[in-house]
Amino acid sequence: QVQLVESGGGLVQAGGSLRLSCVASERTFSISALDWYRQAPGKQRDLVASINSGGGTTYADSVKGRFTISRDNAKKTVYLQMNSLKPEDTAVYYCSLTNFFSGLRSWGQGTHVTVSS
């Protein structure tokens, strides 16, 4: 069973920055698709950013130009650098990994991000 452990969340003022990290136990990490999602209170879980095995990235319109997803295959870690944070970025952030062979998606436990105005 794949384990994903997020860290890096916390309380930050608007305009500030945070970097989230997610370490995976998946042995096929280097060829897995990786995503960051977020879920605000009372709302659905939304896709924030994705990175494929080749390093290609996509972002939600709401975070383009402010967030950057990256991966370090040697460390089996995916990052989300979040700059120019806004109160509306407040949410629980989850990383996910999709196994290349099975297509199964695994989730981390989430890390809280709170942006104060």
C-alpha atoms as a PDB file:
ATOM      1  CA  GLN A   1       0.000   0.000   0.000  1.00  0.00           C
ATOM      2  CA  VAL A   2       1.330   3.386  -1.013  1.00  0.00           C
ATOM      3  CA  GLN A   3       1.860   5.868   1.780  1.00  0.00           C
ATOM      4  CA  LEU A   4       1.970   9.594   1.141  1.00  0.00           C
ATOM      5  CA  VAL A   5       2.960  12.010   3.902  1.00  0.00           C
ATOM      6  CA  GLU A   6       2.445  15.737   3.440  1.00  0.00           C
ATOM      7  CA  SER A   7       4.114  18.479   5.436  1.00  0.00           C
ATOM      8  CA  GLY A   8       4.709  22.194   5.268  1.00  0.00           C
ATOM      9  CA  GLY A   9       1.273  23.575   5.971  1.00  0.00           C
ATOM     10  CA  GLY A  10       0.607  26.288   8.495  1.00  0.00           C
ATOM     11  CA  LEU A  11      -0.647  29.794   9.112  1.00  0.00           C
ATOM     12  CA  VAL A  12       0.633  32.595   6.892  1.00  0.00           C
ATOM     13  CA  GLN A  13      -0.400  36.158   6.170  1.00  0.00           C
ATOM     14  CA  ALA A  14      -1.785  37.136   2.799  1.00  0.00           C
ATOM     15  CA  GLY A  15       1.037  37.731   0.355  1.00  0.00           C
ATOM     16  CA  GLY A  16       3.260  35.207   2.063  1.00  0.00           C
ATOM     17  CA  SER A  17       4.663  31.898   0.887  1.00  0.00           C
ATOM     18  CA  LEU A  18       4.651  28.263   1.903  1.00  0.00           C
ATOM     19  CA  ARG A  19       6.211  25.150   0.428  1.00  0.00           C
ATOM     20  CA  LEU A  20       4.366  21.881   0.811  1.00  0.00           C
ATOM     21  CA  SER A  21       6.144  18.556   0.546  1.00  0.00           C
ATOM     22  CA  CYS A  22       4.801  15.061   0.042  1.00  0.00           C
ATOM     23  CA  VAL A  23       6.984  11.991   0.457  1.00  0.00           C
ATOM     24  CA  ALA A  24       5.814   8.744  -1.125  1.00  0.00           C
ATOM     25  CA  SER A  25       6.650   5.120  -0.457  1.00  0.00           C
ATOM     26  CA  GLU A  26       5.812   4.070  -4.028  1.00  0.00           C
ATOM     27  CA  ARG A  27       8.703   2.258  -5.715  1.00  0.00           C
ATOM     28  CA  THR A  28       7.485   3.337  -9.155  1.00  0.00           C
ATOM     29  CA  PHE A  29       7.416   6.971  -8.066  1.00  0.00           C
ATOM     30  CA  SER A  30       9.505   8.194 -10.991  1.00  0.00           C
ATOM     31  CA  ILE A  31       6.889   7.134 -13.548  1.00  0.00           C
ATOM     32  CA  SER A  32       3.847   8.068 -11.483  1.00  0.00           C
ATOM     33  CA  ALA A  33       1.604  11.046 -12.066  1.00  0.00           C
ATOM     34  CA  LEU A  34       1.442  13.373  -9.086  1.00  0.00           C
ATOM     35  CA  ASP A  35      -1.164  15.928  -8.120  1.00  0.00           C
ATOM     36  CA  TRP A  36      -1.979  18.437  -5.440  1.00  0.00           C
ATOM     37  CA  TYR A  37      -5.625  18.945  -4.514  1.00  0.00           C
ATOM     38  CA  ARG A  38      -7.243  21.177  -1.948  1.00  0.00           C
ATOM     39  CA  GLN A  39     -10.500  21.186  -0.074  1.00  0.00           C
ATOM     40  CA  ALA A  40     -11.884  24.226   1.668  1.00  0.00           C
ATOM     41  CA  PRO A  41     -14.467  23.831   4.451  1.00  0.00           C
ATOM     42  CA  GLY A  42     -17.831  22.908   3.021  1.00  0.00           C
ATOM     43  CA  LYS A  43     -16.518  22.631  -0.522  1.00  0.00           C
ATOM     44  CA  GLN A  44     -15.496  19.855  -2.847  1.00  0.00           C
ATOM     45  CA  ARG A  45     -11.927  18.733  -3.338  1.00  0.00           C
ATOM     46  CA  ASP A  46     -10.414  20.540  -6.324  1.00  0.00           C
ATOM     47  CA  LEU A  47      -7.338  19.876  -8.408  1.00  0.00           C
ATOM     48  CA  VAL A  48      -4.667  22.525  -7.907  1.00  0.00           C
ATOM     49  CA  ALA A  49      -1.656  21.290  -9.877  1.00  0.00           C
ATOM     50  CA  SER A  50      -0.349  18.209 -11.659  1.00  0.00           C
ATOM     51  CA  ILE A  51       3.027  16.966 -12.801  1.00  0.00           C
ATOM     52  CA  ASN A  52       3.616  13.977 -15.037  1.00  0.00           C
ATOM     53  CA  SER A  53       6.595  11.641 -15.216  1.00  0.00           C
ATOM     54  CA  GLY A  54       8.235  13.804 -17.845  1.00  0.00           C
ATOM     55  CA  GLY A  55       7.969  16.927 -15.732  1.00  0.00           C
ATOM     56  CA  GLY A  56       5.055  18.468 -17.604  1.00  0.00           C
ATOM     57  CA  THR A  57       2.832  20.572 -15.384  1.00  0.00           C
ATOM     58  CA  THR A  58      -0.701  21.935 -15.363  1.00  0.00           C
ATOM     59  CA  TYR A  59      -2.387  24.326 -12.953  1.00  0.00           C
ATOM     60  CA  ALA A  60      -5.818  25.473 -11.971  1.00  0.00           C
ATOM     61  CA  ASP A  61      -6.522  28.956 -13.281  1.00  0.00           C
ATOM     62  CA  SER A  62      -6.855  30.258  -9.743  1.00  0.00           C
ATOM     63  CA  VAL A  63      -3.210  29.469  -8.912  1.00  0.00           C
ATOM     64  CA  LYS A  64      -1.424  30.027 -12.219  1.00  0.00           C
ATOM     65  CA  GLY A  65       1.583  32.269 -11.818  1.00  0.00           C
ATOM     66  CA  ARG A  66       1.558  31.872  -8.029  1.00  0.00           C
ATOM     67  CA  PHE A  67       2.025  28.136  -7.385  1.00  0.00           C
ATOM     68  CA  THR A  68       4.694  25.812  -8.739  1.00  0.00           C
ATOM     69  CA  ILE A  69       4.613  22.026  -8.602  1.00  0.00           C
ATOM     70  CA  SER A  70       7.862  20.092  -8.846  1.00  0.00           C
ATOM     71  CA  ARG A  71       9.197  16.632  -8.137  1.00  0.00           C
ATOM     72  CA  ASP A  72      12.425  15.024  -6.950  1.00  0.00           C
ATOM     73  CA  ASN A  73      12.382  11.412  -8.017  1.00  0.00           C
ATOM     74  CA  ALA A  74      15.508  10.536  -6.033  1.00  0.00           C
ATOM     75  CA  LYS A  75      13.764  11.659  -2.846  1.00  0.00           C
ATOM     76  CA  LYS A  76      10.327  10.367  -3.944  1.00  0.00           C
ATOM     77  CA  THR A  77       8.964  13.778  -3.091  1.00  0.00           C
ATOM     78  CA  VAL A  78       6.585  16.180  -4.768  1.00  0.00           C
ATOM     79  CA  TYR A  79       6.505  19.843  -3.809  1.00  0.00           C
ATOM     80  CA  LEU A  80       4.058  22.696  -4.101  1.00  0.00           C
ATOM     81  CA  GLN A  81       5.624  26.129  -3.808  1.00  0.00           C
ATOM     82  CA  MET A  82       2.886  28.621  -3.020  1.00  0.00           C
ATOM     83  CA  ASN A  83       3.617  32.331  -3.371  1.00  0.00           C
ATOM     84  CA  SER A  84       1.441  35.429  -3.108  1.00  0.00           C
ATOM     85  CA  LEU A  85      -1.003  33.506  -0.970  1.00  0.00           C
ATOM     86  CA  LYS A  86      -4.569  34.757  -0.636  1.00  0.00           C
ATOM     87  CA  PRO A  87      -7.201  34.072   2.020  1.00  0.00           C
ATOM     88  CA  GLU A  88      -9.113  32.047  -0.565  1.00  0.00           C
ATOM     89  CA  ASP A  89      -6.185  29.613  -0.711  1.00  0.00           C
ATOM     90  CA  THR A  90      -7.117  28.471   2.793  1.00  0.00           C
ATOM     91  CA  ALA A  91      -7.834  24.733   2.629  1.00  0.00           C
ATOM     92  CA  VAL A  92      -6.577  21.288   3.435  1.00  0.00           C
ATOM     93  CA  TYR A  93      -4.058  20.343   0.767  1.00  0.00           C
ATOM     94  CA  TYR A  94      -3.710  16.735  -0.333  1.00  0.00           C
ATOM     95  CA  CYS A  95      -1.154  15.106  -2.558  1.00  0.00           C
ATOM     96  CA  SER A  96      -2.079  12.153  -4.715  1.00  0.00           C
ATOM     97  CA  LEU A  97      -0.126   9.593  -6.707  1.00  0.00           C
ATOM     98  CA  THR A  98      -1.505   7.583  -9.604  1.00  0.00           C
ATOM     99  CA  ASN A  99       0.214   4.277 -10.182  1.00  0.00           C
ATOM    100  CA  PHE A 100       1.478   4.029 -13.748  1.00  0.00           C
ATOM    101  CA  PHE A 101       0.571   0.355 -14.153  1.00  0.00           C
ATOM    102  CA  SER A 102      -2.681  -0.021 -12.221  1.00  0.00           C
ATOM    103  CA  GLY A 103      -4.097   3.474 -12.508  1.00  0.00           C
ATOM    104  CA  LEU A 104      -4.953   3.384  -8.826  1.00  0.00           C
ATOM    105  CA  ARG A 105      -4.825   6.712  -6.996  1.00  0.00           C
ATOM    106  CA  SER A 106      -3.470   7.025  -3.489  1.00  0.00           C
ATOM    107  CA  TRP A 107      -3.956   9.994  -1.143  1.00  0.00           C
ATOM    108  CA  GLY A 108      -2.037  11.584   1.656  1.00  0.00           C
ATOM    109  CA  GLN A 109      -3.631  12.586   4.935  1.00  0.00           C
ATOM    110  CA  GLY A 110      -3.643  16.284   4.080  1.00  0.00           C
ATOM    111  CA  THR A 111      -1.951  19.358   5.479  1.00  0.00           C
ATOM    112  CA  HIS A 112      -3.760  22.498   6.591  1.00  0.00           C
ATOM    113  CA  VAL A 113      -3.000  25.853   5.042  1.00  0.00           C
ATOM    114  CA  THR A 114      -4.548  28.971   6.548  1.00  0.00           C
ATOM    115  CA  VAL A 115      -4.021  32.382   4.981  1.00  0.00           C
ATOM    116  CA  SER A 116      -5.013  35.343   7.103  1.00  0.00           C
ATOM    117  CA  SER A 117      -6.007  38.678   5.643  1.00  0.00           C
END
